[in-house]
Structures are given as structure tokens and as C-alpha cells.
């Protein structure tokens, strides 16, 4: 049987078999209709009979009577699944006894994969660490959190459907490293997802209190109430940050770990600010950077047309 990953071939097999067994067409007719060789249809029939435990359509008591729809036809399986073309063995595959011993050692020690590998090395068993780790994962002997796996923190509220200003505000911190021996700068950016109104604050250091104050400053400047603030899992968004915003009736939502796309709006604004304003950091002072960012925010909020909005953020706010 030819191997094909498309599901349409499985549907084609079922239709061909139904025409043969239910409509009574010959193998040659069905082969011409579906553009297949007769030998291919014979292999389909053989697989179908194996799947259904060799069904018998003949009614010996009443040979002219068709098979019952409920007692015979409904119990049959017509879909023939495609077999995997992956090789079943590999010339460098580990011996089954060695695999069983690795599994046994893992269960007995109940330690990390590295400890299991060291134990095998002490017993003069030649096996690589990657093989031990692969066997442990294959037999699901250890809960491994792979990169990119989707998971949420406990008691983390769901992302709301943003239909009004302030329903979801994203916050992030940009780090500017001074390569000339001076002090580094930290920019805390705030953006409203609905209107794209933005606010920034620059300082030589950042903390949970200063980050929360930046959010409250943005709320006062924008002129509308923030309902939910979304941030990543950085240290500036800890318990102190949450406590300050809770006092102002602002809910906190954290993004999934290693999922920067959850904060896509603020991450895109960070890139826009770097491309259009900051560029390569050349050791400018705090006052100079703060002044340039204030001027840029006026341009961004009041004059720069946003591609998704097809208008400026202030026009989007005024249209609400």
C-alpha cells in the first residue's frame, strides 16, 4: 500500500470499498473510477477484511436478501488508516535489555537523568546522556516542561476582549546598556491596547514602586480608568507592584513564561521606539534621553498614524 500523509486518501479508500461491497461494482470498474491499479484495490480489500475480522456478507438462509443495515453494516469500519512510513528499527538502536535496565534504574533511584547516567557510567555501561534522557521522556518517567509549552500561572485571569479604552493595558521595561562606562538606563513603557496611547518613564534604576507609579501616571495622562494591566514575569512586577495597583482597583495579569507574543503590543512599541528614536545607545545622559522621549511620545500619540487603527491614537480615543 502506498504511503500518503493526506487524509483524502483514507476517504477515497472507504468510498471505493463501499462501491465494491455495497453497490456490487467490479474491481475493474472501481479501479477505473478512482484511477488506481486493481492490485491496489485488492490490497485495500485485504486490509479492510483484517480490520473487520473477515466479515461474511452471504446470507445462507436467504441468499437474495441484502445484509441488515443495523446488525452488519453499521458495525463495519470503512476507513482504512494510512500506515506510518517511519522505519521500525534503527541500526544504532539500543538493546531492549539495556532500555529496560535504564527504566528500572530511573524508577529505583527516582533522581534526575544526570544522576541515572552517572550511575550507569559507574557500572561500566556505555550509554550517552542524551539516550538516557530520551528513554526517560519516551516512557514518561519525568515531567519535563519543554520550551514553548503553553501554560498559565495559577489564579491568572483570562485575557479580556478589548472593546473600550483601559480594558487592557500592557507594561514592559526596556534596558539600555551604556557601553562607555556610564550608568545604564531603564525605560518603563505603558500602552493601552484599544487606543494605542503610550507613556514612558526613564530612570537610572527601576523598582516595583516606580513601575507602579508609571502606570498610575499613564492613567492620569490618558484620562480614563485602567481595568487590567498585563505584564511579564519580571522582578519589577512582583507583590509590591500588585499591592499598589490593587489599592487603585486595577487587576493584574501575567503573561505565559517564554511567550513574548502575549505582550505583542508593548513589544512592538519597544521596537518602534528603538528604530525611530533611540537607535544604538551612545552614552547619552538621563535628561537628554528623557527630553527626546517626551517629544517622541507627543508625535506618537498625536501625529503618527497607526497602521492597525488607520488613524492616530488620540483620534481613536476621541472616537470612543
C-alpha atoms as a PDB file:
ATOM      1  CA  UNK A   1       0.000   0.000   0.000  1.00  0.00           C
ATOM      2  CA  UNK A   2       1.412   3.392  -0.982  1.00  0.00           C
ATOM      3  CA  UNK A   3       2.131   5.708   1.899  1.00  0.00           C
ATOM      4  CA  UNK A   4       0.448   9.113   1.865  1.00  0.00           C
ATOM      5  CA  UNK A   5       0.000  11.575   4.735  1.00  0.00           C
ATOM      6  CA  UNK A   6      -3.097  13.200   3.186  1.00  0.00           C
ATOM      7  CA  UNK A   7      -6.391  12.261   4.863  1.00  0.00           C
ATOM      8  CA  UNK A   8      -8.171  12.389   1.496  1.00  0.00           C
ATOM      9  CA  UNK A   9      -6.670   9.027   0.542  1.00  0.00           C
ATOM     10  CA  UNK A  10      -8.363   7.430   3.573  1.00  0.00           C
ATOM     11  CA  UNK A  11     -11.733   8.822   2.438  1.00  0.00           C
ATOM     12  CA  UNK A  12     -11.041   7.550  -1.073  1.00  0.00           C
ATOM     13  CA  UNK A  13     -10.412   4.049   0.234  1.00  0.00           C
ATOM     14  CA  UNK A  14     -13.684   3.981   2.158  1.00  0.00           C
ATOM     15  CA  UNK A  15     -15.677   5.162  -0.884  1.00  0.00           C
ATOM     16  CA  UNK A  16     -14.047   2.566  -3.126  1.00  0.00           C
ATOM     17  CA  UNK A  17     -14.754  -0.259  -0.693  1.00  0.00           C
ATOM     18  CA  UNK A  18     -18.390   0.783  -0.292  1.00  0.00           C
ATOM     19  CA  UNK A  19     -18.851   0.717  -4.062  1.00  0.00           C
ATOM     20  CA  UNK A  20     -17.397  -2.795  -4.177  1.00  0.00           C
ATOM     21  CA  UNK A  21     -19.284  -4.354  -1.285  1.00  0.00           C
ATOM     22  CA  UNK A  22     -22.497  -2.308  -1.090  1.00  0.00           C
ATOM     23  CA  UNK A  23     -23.130  -1.310  -4.701  1.00  0.00           C
ATOM     24  CA  UNK A  24     -21.767  -4.530  -6.191  1.00  0.00           C
ATOM     25  CA  UNK A  25     -19.391  -2.976  -8.706  1.00  0.00           C
ATOM     26  CA  UNK A  26     -16.441  -4.939 -10.013  1.00  0.00           C
ATOM     27  CA  UNK A  27     -12.826  -4.348  -9.111  1.00  0.00           C
ATOM     28  CA  UNK A  28     -12.038  -3.170 -12.639  1.00  0.00           C
ATOM     29  CA  UNK A  29     -14.864  -0.603 -12.640  1.00  0.00           C
ATOM     30  CA  UNK A  30     -13.864   0.875  -9.300  1.00  0.00           C
ATOM     31  CA  UNK A  31     -10.189   0.941 -10.290  1.00  0.00           C
ATOM     32  CA  UNK A  32     -11.009   2.960 -13.407  1.00  0.00           C
ATOM     33  CA  UNK A  33     -13.272   5.348 -11.461  1.00  0.00           C
ATOM     34  CA  UNK A  34     -10.611   6.136  -8.832  1.00  0.00           C
ATOM     35  CA  UNK A  35      -7.588   5.955 -11.130  1.00  0.00           C
ATOM     36  CA  UNK A  36      -5.959   3.070  -9.254  1.00  0.00           C
ATOM     37  CA  UNK A  37      -4.494  -0.277 -10.237  1.00  0.00           C
ATOM     38  CA  UNK A  38      -6.549  -3.337  -9.481  1.00  0.00           C
ATOM     39  CA  UNK A  39      -3.728  -4.700  -7.338  1.00  0.00           C
ATOM     40  CA  UNK A  40      -4.029  -1.600  -5.140  1.00  0.00           C
ATOM     41  CA  UNK A  41      -7.736  -2.269  -4.588  1.00  0.00           C
ATOM     42  CA  UNK A  42      -7.009  -5.909  -3.730  1.00  0.00           C
ATOM     43  CA  UNK A  43      -4.601  -4.693  -1.021  1.00  0.00           C
ATOM     44  CA  UNK A  44      -7.288  -2.300   0.292  1.00  0.00           C
ATOM     45  CA  UNK A  45      -9.770  -5.172   0.442  1.00  0.00           C
ATOM     46  CA  UNK A  46      -7.272  -7.357   2.292  1.00  0.00           C
ATOM     47  CA  UNK A  47      -6.631  -4.631   4.876  1.00  0.00           C
ATOM     48  CA  UNK A  48     -10.355  -3.972   5.232  1.00  0.00           C
ATOM     49  CA  UNK A  49     -11.090  -7.644   5.878  1.00  0.00           C
ATOM     50  CA  UNK A  50      -8.347  -7.812   8.519  1.00  0.00           C
ATOM     51  CA  UNK A  51      -9.709  -4.723  10.287  1.00  0.00           C
ATOM     52  CA  UNK A  52     -13.282  -6.075  10.348  1.00  0.00           C
ATOM     53  CA  UNK A  53     -12.277  -9.638  11.268  1.00  0.00           C
ATOM     54  CA  UNK A  54     -13.188 -11.115   7.861  1.00  0.00           C
ATOM     55  CA  UNK A  55     -16.924 -10.262   7.616  1.00  0.00           C
ATOM     56  CA  UNK A  56     -19.257 -12.537   5.680  1.00  0.00           C
ATOM     57  CA  UNK A  57     -22.000 -10.859   3.614  1.00  0.00           C
ATOM     58  CA  UNK A  58     -23.580 -14.077   2.452  1.00  0.00           C
ATOM     59  CA  UNK A  59     -26.984 -14.955   3.886  1.00  0.00           C
ATOM     60  CA  UNK A  60     -27.122 -18.705   3.575  1.00  0.00           C
ATOM     61  CA  UNK A  61     -30.777 -18.997   4.604  1.00  0.00           C
ATOM     62  CA  UNK A  62     -31.952 -16.256   2.206  1.00  0.00           C
ATOM     63  CA  UNK A  63     -29.212 -15.704  -0.394  1.00  0.00           C
ATOM     64  CA  UNK A  64     -31.112 -12.976  -2.302  1.00  0.00           C
ATOM     65  CA  UNK A  65     -31.687 -10.854   0.811  1.00  0.00           C
ATOM     66  CA  UNK A  66     -29.313  -7.903   1.382  1.00  0.00           C
ATOM     67  CA  UNK A  67     -27.349  -7.692   4.655  1.00  0.00           C
ATOM     68  CA  UNK A  68     -29.099  -5.958   7.518  1.00  0.00           C
ATOM     69  CA  UNK A  69     -28.183  -2.304   7.960  1.00  0.00           C
ATOM     70  CA  UNK A  70     -28.187  -2.386  11.761  1.00  0.00           C
ATOM     71  CA  UNK A  71     -26.701  -5.764  12.572  1.00  0.00           C
ATOM     72  CA  UNK A  72     -23.997  -5.969   9.911  1.00  0.00           C
ATOM     73  CA  UNK A  73     -23.247  -2.760   8.026  1.00  0.00           C
ATOM     74  CA  UNK A  74     -23.233  -0.365  10.979  1.00  0.00           C
ATOM     75  CA  UNK A  75     -20.679  -2.486  12.826  1.00  0.00           C
ATOM     76  CA  UNK A  76     -18.156  -2.349   9.975  1.00  0.00           C
ATOM     77  CA  UNK A  77     -15.219   0.066   9.792  1.00  0.00           C
ATOM     78  CA  UNK A  78     -14.739   1.518   6.350  1.00  0.00           C
ATOM     79  CA  UNK A  79     -11.913   3.966   6.988  1.00  0.00           C
ATOM     80  CA  UNK A  80      -8.506   2.378   6.373  1.00  0.00           C
ATOM     81  CA  UNK A  81      -5.860   4.437   8.134  1.00  0.00           C
ATOM     82  CA  UNK A  82      -2.524   5.083   6.457  1.00  0.00           C
ATOM     83  CA  UNK A  83       0.362   3.191   7.906  1.00  0.00           C
ATOM     84  CA  UNK A  84       3.393   5.109   9.056  1.00  0.00           C
ATOM     85  CA  UNK A  85       6.337   5.017   6.699  1.00  0.00           C
ATOM     86  CA  UNK A  86       8.791   5.596   9.540  1.00  0.00           C
ATOM     87  CA  UNK A  87      11.324   2.781   9.996  1.00  0.00           C
ATOM     88  CA  UNK A  88      10.513   0.397  12.828  1.00  0.00           C
ATOM     89  CA  UNK A  89      14.163  -0.247  13.713  1.00  0.00           C
ATOM     90  CA  UNK A  90      17.473   1.562  13.513  1.00  0.00           C
ATOM     91  CA  UNK A  91      20.914   0.038  13.170  1.00  0.00           C
ATOM     92  CA  UNK A  92      22.158   2.055  16.160  1.00  0.00           C
ATOM     93  CA  UNK A  93      19.130   1.363  18.364  1.00  0.00           C
ATOM     94  CA  UNK A  94      19.827   0.385  21.973  1.00  0.00           C
ATOM     95  CA  UNK A  95      19.282  -3.168  23.081  1.00  0.00           C
ATOM     96  CA  UNK A  96      15.883  -3.832  24.658  1.00  0.00           C
ATOM     97  CA  UNK A  97      17.505  -5.245  27.798  1.00  0.00           C
ATOM     98  CA  UNK A  98      19.574  -2.061  28.184  1.00  0.00           C
ATOM     99  CA  UNK A  99      16.474   0.111  27.754  1.00  0.00           C
ATOM    100  CA  UNK A 100      14.650  -1.937  30.384  1.00  0.00           C
ATOM    101  CA  UNK A 101      17.599  -1.569  32.784  1.00  0.00           C
ATOM    102  CA  UNK A 102      17.667   2.219  32.291  1.00  0.00           C
ATOM    103  CA  UNK A 103      13.953   2.408  33.055  1.00  0.00           C
ATOM    104  CA  UNK A 104      14.426   0.222  36.132  1.00  0.00           C
ATOM    105  CA  UNK A 105      17.324   2.377  37.362  1.00  0.00           C
ATOM    106  CA  UNK A 106      15.309   5.555  36.895  1.00  0.00           C
ATOM    107  CA  UNK A 107      12.378   4.175  38.891  1.00  0.00           C
ATOM    108  CA  UNK A 108      14.576   2.848  41.705  1.00  0.00           C
ATOM    109  CA  UNK A 109      16.705   5.976  42.133  1.00  0.00           C
ATOM    110  CA  UNK A 110      13.936   8.491  41.472  1.00  0.00           C
ATOM    111  CA  UNK A 111      16.646  11.060  40.717  1.00  0.00           C
ATOM    112  CA  UNK A 112      17.489  13.301  37.807  1.00  0.00           C
ATOM    113  CA  UNK A 113      18.532  11.956  34.412  1.00  0.00           C
ATOM    114  CA  UNK A 114      22.098  13.073  35.019  1.00  0.00           C
ATOM    115  CA  UNK A 115      22.321  11.006  38.229  1.00  0.00           C
ATOM    116  CA  UNK A 116      20.910   7.991  36.383  1.00  0.00           C
ATOM    117  CA  UNK A 117      23.535   8.421  33.656  1.00  0.00           C
ATOM    118  CA  UNK A 118      26.365   8.705  36.218  1.00  0.00           C
ATOM    119  CA  UNK A 119      25.121   5.538  37.931  1.00  0.00           C
ATOM    120  CA  UNK A 120      25.250   3.671  34.639  1.00  0.00           C
ATOM    121  CA  UNK A 121      28.750   5.007  33.973  1.00  0.00           C
ATOM    122  CA  UNK A 122      29.916   3.746  37.377  1.00  0.00           C
ATOM    123  CA  UNK A 123      28.575   0.334  36.403  1.00  0.00           C
ATOM    124  CA  UNK A 124      30.654   0.455  33.174  1.00  0.00           C
ATOM    125  CA  UNK A 125      27.557   0.646  30.976  1.00  0.00           C
ATOM    126  CA  UNK A 126      28.343   2.668  27.869  1.00  0.00           C
ATOM    127  CA  UNK A 127      25.351   4.829  27.015  1.00  0.00           C
ATOM    128  CA  UNK A 128      25.110   8.529  26.212  1.00  0.00           C
ATOM    129  CA  UNK A 129      23.306  11.041  28.410  1.00  0.00           C
ATOM    130  CA  UNK A 130      21.008  12.027  25.518  1.00  0.00           C
ATOM    131  CA  UNK A 131      19.915   8.387  25.173  1.00  0.00           C
ATOM    132  CA  UNK A 132      19.061   8.213  28.872  1.00  0.00           C
ATOM    133  CA  UNK A 133      17.086  11.441  28.659  1.00  0.00           C
ATOM    134  CA  UNK A 134      15.255  10.282  25.518  1.00  0.00           C
ATOM    135  CA  UNK A 135      14.270   6.954  27.112  1.00  0.00           C
ATOM    136  CA  UNK A 136      13.011   8.693  30.253  1.00  0.00           C
ATOM    137  CA  UNK A 137      10.848  11.019  28.170  1.00  0.00           C
ATOM    138  CA  UNK A 138       9.604   8.203  25.964  1.00  0.00           C
ATOM    139  CA  UNK A 139       8.329   6.226  28.929  1.00  0.00           C
ATOM    140  CA  UNK A 140       7.023   9.401  30.643  1.00  0.00           C
ATOM    141  CA  UNK A 141       9.019   8.804  33.813  1.00  0.00           C
ATOM    142  CA  UNK A 142       9.631  12.501  34.414  1.00  0.00           C
ATOM    143  CA  UNK A 143       7.503  15.584  33.909  1.00  0.00           C
ATOM    144  CA  UNK A 144       9.538  17.720  31.523  1.00  0.00           C
ATOM    145  CA  UNK A 145       8.467  21.288  30.779  1.00  0.00           C
ATOM    146  CA  UNK A 146       9.623  21.908  27.240  1.00  0.00           C
ATOM    147  CA  UNK A 147      10.296  25.379  25.901  1.00  0.00           C
ATOM    148  CA  UNK A 148       7.293  26.822  24.148  1.00  0.00           C
ATOM    149  CA  UNK A 149       4.759  24.802  26.103  1.00  0.00           C
ATOM    150  CA  UNK A 150       1.571  26.731  26.747  1.00  0.00           C
ATOM    151  CA  UNK A 151       0.704  27.119  30.393  1.00  0.00           C
ATOM    152  CA  UNK A 152      -0.723  29.795  32.648  1.00  0.00           C
ATOM    153  CA  UNK A 153       0.103  30.773  36.187  1.00  0.00           C
ATOM    154  CA  UNK A 154      -2.316  29.795  38.905  1.00  0.00           C
ATOM    155  CA  UNK A 155      -5.153  32.242  39.573  1.00  0.00           C
ATOM    156  CA  UNK A 156      -4.149  34.237  36.498  1.00  0.00           C
ATOM    157  CA  UNK A 157      -7.187  35.994  34.987  1.00  0.00           C
ATOM    158  CA  UNK A 158      -8.040  35.421  31.359  1.00  0.00           C
ATOM    159  CA  UNK A 159      -7.240  37.999  28.738  1.00  0.00           C
ATOM    160  CA  UNK A 160     -10.349  40.161  28.179  1.00  0.00           C
ATOM    161  CA  UNK A 161     -11.895  41.075  24.856  1.00  0.00           C
ATOM    162  CA  UNK A 162     -10.742  44.668  24.441  1.00  0.00           C
ATOM    163  CA  UNK A 163     -13.709  46.798  23.351  1.00  0.00           C
ATOM    164  CA  UNK A 164     -13.048  50.054  25.200  1.00  0.00           C
ATOM    165  CA  UNK A 165     -10.119  52.164  26.451  1.00  0.00           C
ATOM    166  CA  UNK A 166      -8.483  50.913  29.647  1.00  0.00           C
ATOM    167  CA  UNK A 167      -9.803  47.356  29.488  1.00  0.00           C
ATOM    168  CA  UNK A 168      -6.265  46.057  28.887  1.00  0.00           C
ATOM    169  CA  UNK A 169      -3.009  47.974  29.347  1.00  0.00           C
ATOM    170  CA  UNK A 170       0.397  46.379  28.715  1.00  0.00           C
ATOM    171  CA  UNK A 171       3.582  47.307  30.614  1.00  0.00           C
ATOM    172  CA  UNK A 172       7.214  46.426  29.935  1.00  0.00           C
ATOM    173  CA  UNK A 173      10.728  47.637  30.756  1.00  0.00           C
ATOM    174  CA  UNK A 174      13.437  48.399  28.184  1.00  0.00           C
ATOM    175  CA  UNK A 175      17.084  48.107  29.246  1.00  0.00           C
ATOM    176  CA  UNK A 176      19.656  50.446  27.694  1.00  0.00           C
ATOM    177  CA  UNK A 177      23.217  49.390  28.440  1.00  0.00           C
ATOM    178  CA  UNK A 178      25.928  52.049  28.472  1.00  0.00           C
ATOM    179  CA  UNK A 179      28.980  50.611  26.735  1.00  0.00           C
ATOM    180  CA  UNK A 180      31.144  53.622  27.640  1.00  0.00           C
ATOM    181  CA  UNK A 181      31.374  53.035  31.379  1.00  0.00           C
ATOM    182  CA  UNK A 182      28.476  55.291  32.395  1.00  0.00           C
ATOM    183  CA  UNK A 183      25.204  54.448  34.093  1.00  0.00           C
ATOM    184  CA  UNK A 184      22.635  52.275  32.379  1.00  0.00           C
ATOM    185  CA  UNK A 185      19.113  53.480  31.681  1.00  0.00           C
ATOM    186  CA  UNK A 186      15.762  51.789  32.155  1.00  0.00           C
ATOM    187  CA  UNK A 187      12.639  52.827  30.228  1.00  0.00           C
ATOM    188  CA  UNK A 188       9.236  51.729  31.533  1.00  0.00           C
ATOM    189  CA  UNK A 189       6.677  51.751  28.711  1.00  0.00           C
ATOM    190  CA  UNK A 190       2.895  51.657  29.052  1.00  0.00           C
ATOM    191  CA  UNK A 191       0.439  51.197  26.171  1.00  0.00           C
ATOM    192  CA  UNK A 192      -3.335  50.969  26.037  1.00  0.00           C
ATOM    193  CA  UNK A 193      -4.271  48.122  23.691  1.00  0.00           C
ATOM    194  CA  UNK A 194      -7.503  49.704  22.421  1.00  0.00           C
ATOM    195  CA  UNK A 195      -6.357  53.256  21.659  1.00  0.00           C
ATOM    196  CA  UNK A 196      -2.550  52.630  21.427  1.00  0.00           C
ATOM    197  CA  UNK A 197      -1.964  55.644  23.703  1.00  0.00           C
ATOM    198  CA  UNK A 198       1.535  55.335  25.193  1.00  0.00           C
ATOM    199  CA  UNK A 199       3.500  56.687  28.125  1.00  0.00           C
ATOM    200  CA  UNK A 200       7.161  56.215  29.124  1.00  0.00           C
ATOM    201  CA  UNK A 201       9.394  56.951  32.080  1.00  0.00           C
ATOM    202  CA  UNK A 202      13.204  56.895  32.085  1.00  0.00           C
ATOM    203  CA  UNK A 203      15.444  56.422  35.129  1.00  0.00           C
ATOM    204  CA  UNK A 204      18.816  55.066  36.195  1.00  0.00           C
ATOM    205  CA  UNK A 205      17.124  52.259  38.124  1.00  0.00           C
ATOM    206  CA  UNK A 206      13.730  50.639  38.348  1.00  0.00           C
ATOM    207  CA  UNK A 207      11.698  49.050  41.100  1.00  0.00           C
ATOM    208  CA  UNK A 208       8.227  47.729  41.693  1.00  0.00           C
ATOM    209  CA  UNK A 209       7.155  51.047  43.207  1.00  0.00           C
ATOM    210  CA  UNK A 210       8.479  53.158  40.312  1.00  0.00           C
ATOM    211  CA  UNK A 211       6.881  50.820  37.772  1.00  0.00           C
ATOM    212  CA  UNK A 212       3.509  51.064  39.507  1.00  0.00           C
ATOM    213  CA  UNK A 213       3.850  54.869  39.688  1.00  0.00           C
ATOM    214  CA  UNK A 214       4.462  54.926  35.928  1.00  0.00           C
ATOM    215  CA  UNK A 215       1.216  53.025  35.351  1.00  0.00           C
ATOM    216  CA  UNK A 216      -0.702  55.457  37.557  1.00  0.00           C
ATOM    217  CA  UNK A 217       0.900  58.404  35.739  1.00  0.00           C
ATOM    218  CA  UNK A 218      -0.253  56.970  32.430  1.00  0.00           C
ATOM    219  CA  UNK A 219      -3.782  56.535  33.778  1.00  0.00           C
ATOM    220  CA  UNK A 220      -3.884  60.189  34.811  1.00  0.00           C
ATOM    221  CA  UNK A 221      -2.444  61.415  31.496  1.00  0.00           C
ATOM    222  CA  UNK A 222      -4.714  59.297  29.325  1.00  0.00           C
ATOM    223  CA  UNK A 223      -7.830  60.411  31.175  1.00  0.00           C
ATOM    224  CA  UNK A 224      -9.563  57.047  31.540  1.00  0.00           C
ATOM    225  CA  UNK A 225      -9.635  54.286  34.150  1.00  0.00           C
ATOM    226  CA  UNK A 226      -7.409  51.210  33.783  1.00  0.00           C
ATOM    227  CA  UNK A 227      -9.216  47.935  34.463  1.00  0.00           C
ATOM    228  CA  UNK A 228      -6.440  45.401  33.832  1.00  0.00           C
ATOM    229  CA  UNK A 229      -2.661  45.672  33.451  1.00  0.00           C
ATOM    230  CA  UNK A 230      -0.792  42.899  31.677  1.00  0.00           C
ATOM    231  CA  UNK A 231       2.924  42.387  32.312  1.00  0.00           C
ATOM    232  CA  UNK A 232       5.536  39.671  32.061  1.00  0.00           C
ATOM    233  CA  UNK A 233       7.127  37.776  34.956  1.00  0.00           C
ATOM    234  CA  UNK A 234       9.980  40.223  35.574  1.00  0.00           C
ATOM    235  CA  UNK A 235      11.100  41.166  39.075  1.00  0.00           C
ATOM    236  CA  UNK A 236       9.649  44.680  38.700  1.00  0.00           C
ATOM    237  CA  UNK A 237       6.154  43.154  38.561  1.00  0.00           C
ATOM    238  CA  UNK A 238       6.137  41.432  41.941  1.00  0.00           C
ATOM    239  CA  UNK A 239       3.992  41.615  45.052  1.00  0.00           C
ATOM    240  CA  UNK A 240       4.713  45.277  45.776  1.00  0.00           C
ATOM    241  CA  UNK A 241       3.663  46.231  42.242  1.00  0.00           C
ATOM    242  CA  UNK A 242       0.469  44.204  42.595  1.00  0.00           C
ATOM    243  CA  UNK A 243      -0.315  45.699  46.016  1.00  0.00           C
ATOM    244  CA  UNK A 244      -0.100  49.284  44.735  1.00  0.00           C
ATOM    245  CA  UNK A 245      -2.349  48.593  41.772  1.00  0.00           C
ATOM    246  CA  UNK A 246      -4.829  46.628  43.906  1.00  0.00           C
ATOM    247  CA  UNK A 247      -5.304  49.721  46.040  1.00  0.00           C
ATOM    248  CA  UNK A 248      -6.289  51.573  42.852  1.00  0.00           C
ATOM    249  CA  UNK A 249      -8.689  48.773  41.767  1.00  0.00           C
ATOM    250  CA  UNK A 250      -6.506  47.691  38.843  1.00  0.00           C
ATOM    251  CA  UNK A 251      -6.329  43.981  38.128  1.00  0.00           C
ATOM    252  CA  UNK A 252      -3.011  42.290  37.261  1.00  0.00           C
ATOM    253  CA  UNK A 253      -2.474  39.655  34.590  1.00  0.00           C
ATOM    254  CA  UNK A 254       0.857  37.943  33.886  1.00  0.00           C
ATOM    255  CA  UNK A 255       1.849  36.581  30.508  1.00  0.00           C
ATOM    256  CA  UNK A 256       2.875  32.993  29.942  1.00  0.00           C
ATOM    257  CA  UNK A 257       6.536  32.231  30.502  1.00  0.00           C
ATOM    258  CA  UNK A 258       8.695  32.382  27.367  1.00  0.00           C
ATOM    259  CA  UNK A 259       5.723  33.730  25.391  1.00  0.00           C
ATOM    260  CA  UNK A 260       6.583  37.315  24.356  1.00  0.00           C
ATOM    261  CA  UNK A 261       3.728  37.275  21.825  1.00  0.00           C
ATOM    262  CA  UNK A 262       1.280  37.583  24.723  1.00  0.00           C
ATOM    263  CA  UNK A 263       2.574  41.145  25.160  1.00  0.00           C
ATOM    264  CA  UNK A 264       2.713  41.797  21.430  1.00  0.00           C
ATOM    265  CA  UNK A 265       1.537  45.428  21.517  1.00  0.00           C
ATOM    266  CA  UNK A 266       4.087  46.678  24.016  1.00  0.00           C
ATOM    267  CA  UNK A 267       6.876  44.600  22.444  1.00  0.00           C
ATOM    268  CA  UNK A 268       6.092  46.156  19.069  1.00  0.00           C
ATOM    269  CA  UNK A 269       6.125  49.625  20.622  1.00  0.00           C
ATOM    270  CA  UNK A 270       9.526  48.890  22.180  1.00  0.00           C
ATOM    271  CA  UNK A 271      10.866  48.001  18.750  1.00  0.00           C
ATOM    272  CA  UNK A 272       9.289  51.089  17.162  1.00  0.00           C
ATOM    273  CA  UNK A 273      10.859  53.303  19.811  1.00  0.00           C
ATOM    274  CA  UNK A 274      14.273  51.739  19.216  1.00  0.00           C
ATOM    275  CA  UNK A 275      14.001  52.051  15.437  1.00  0.00           C
ATOM    276  CA  UNK A 276      12.602  55.584  15.269  1.00  0.00           C
ATOM    277  CA  UNK A 277      14.131  57.232  18.339  1.00  0.00           C
ATOM    278  CA  UNK A 278      16.750  55.518  20.460  1.00  0.00           C
ATOM    279  CA  UNK A 279      18.856  53.614  17.959  1.00  0.00           C
ATOM    280  CA  UNK A 280      22.249  52.443  19.258  1.00  0.00           C
ATOM    281  CA  UNK A 281      22.785  53.799  22.772  1.00  0.00           C
ATOM    282  CA  UNK A 282      25.830  56.073  22.773  1.00  0.00           C
ATOM    283  CA  UNK A 283      26.031  57.061  26.415  1.00  0.00           C
ATOM    284  CA  UNK A 284      23.596  59.967  26.396  1.00  0.00           C
ATOM    285  CA  UNK A 285      22.515  61.385  29.739  1.00  0.00           C
ATOM    286  CA  UNK A 286      19.210  60.906  31.502  1.00  0.00           C
ATOM    287  CA  UNK A 287      17.930  64.423  30.805  1.00  0.00           C
ATOM    288  CA  UNK A 288      18.728  64.203  27.096  1.00  0.00           C
ATOM    289  CA  UNK A 289      17.024  60.819  26.687  1.00  0.00           C
ATOM    290  CA  UNK A 290      14.004  61.901  28.753  1.00  0.00           C
ATOM    291  CA  UNK A 291      13.534  65.040  26.651  1.00  0.00           C
ATOM    292  CA  UNK A 292      13.761  63.136  23.359  1.00  0.00           C
ATOM    293  CA  UNK A 293      11.273  60.515  24.586  1.00  0.00           C
ATOM    294  CA  UNK A 294       8.783  63.168  25.723  1.00  0.00           C
ATOM    295  CA  UNK A 295       8.947  64.806  22.300  1.00  0.00           C
ATOM    296  CA  UNK A 296       8.587  61.439  20.582  1.00  0.00           C
ATOM    297  CA  UNK A 297       5.517  60.488  22.646  1.00  0.00           C
ATOM    298  CA  UNK A 298       3.783  63.699  21.594  1.00  0.00           C
ATOM    299  CA  UNK A 299       4.467  62.761  17.987  1.00  0.00           C
ATOM    300  CA  UNK A 300       3.435  59.120  18.528  1.00  0.00           C
ATOM    301  CA  UNK A 301       0.150  59.887  20.316  1.00  0.00           C
ATOM    302  CA  UNK A 302      -0.969  62.941  18.358  1.00  0.00           C
ATOM    303  CA  UNK A 303       0.580  62.880  14.881  1.00  0.00           C
ATOM    304  CA  UNK A 304       1.786  59.375  13.952  1.00  0.00           C
ATOM    305  CA  UNK A 305      -0.838  57.327  12.078  1.00  0.00           C
ATOM    306  CA  UNK A 306      -1.065  53.775  13.382  1.00  0.00           C
ATOM    307  CA  UNK A 307      -1.266  51.085  10.716  1.00  0.00           C
ATOM    308  CA  UNK A 308      -3.837  48.896  12.515  1.00  0.00           C
ATOM    309  CA  UNK A 309      -6.018  51.860  13.579  1.00  0.00           C
ATOM    310  CA  UNK A 310      -5.632  53.837  10.325  1.00  0.00           C
ATOM    311  CA  UNK A 311      -5.614  56.936  12.493  1.00  0.00           C
ATOM    312  CA  UNK A 312      -3.609  58.420  15.354  1.00  0.00           C
ATOM    313  CA  UNK A 313      -4.089  57.156  18.932  1.00  0.00           C
ATOM    314  CA  UNK A 314      -5.657  60.456  20.048  1.00  0.00           C
ATOM    315  CA  UNK A 315      -8.178  60.240  17.181  1.00  0.00           C
ATOM    316  CA  UNK A 316      -9.013  56.698  18.289  1.00  0.00           C
ATOM    317  CA  UNK A 317      -9.565  57.933  21.827  1.00  0.00           C
ATOM    318  CA  UNK A 318     -11.749  60.812  20.679  1.00  0.00           C
ATOM    319  CA  UNK A 319     -13.907  58.471  18.591  1.00  0.00           C
ATOM    320  CA  UNK A 320     -14.869  56.405  21.628  1.00  0.00           C
END
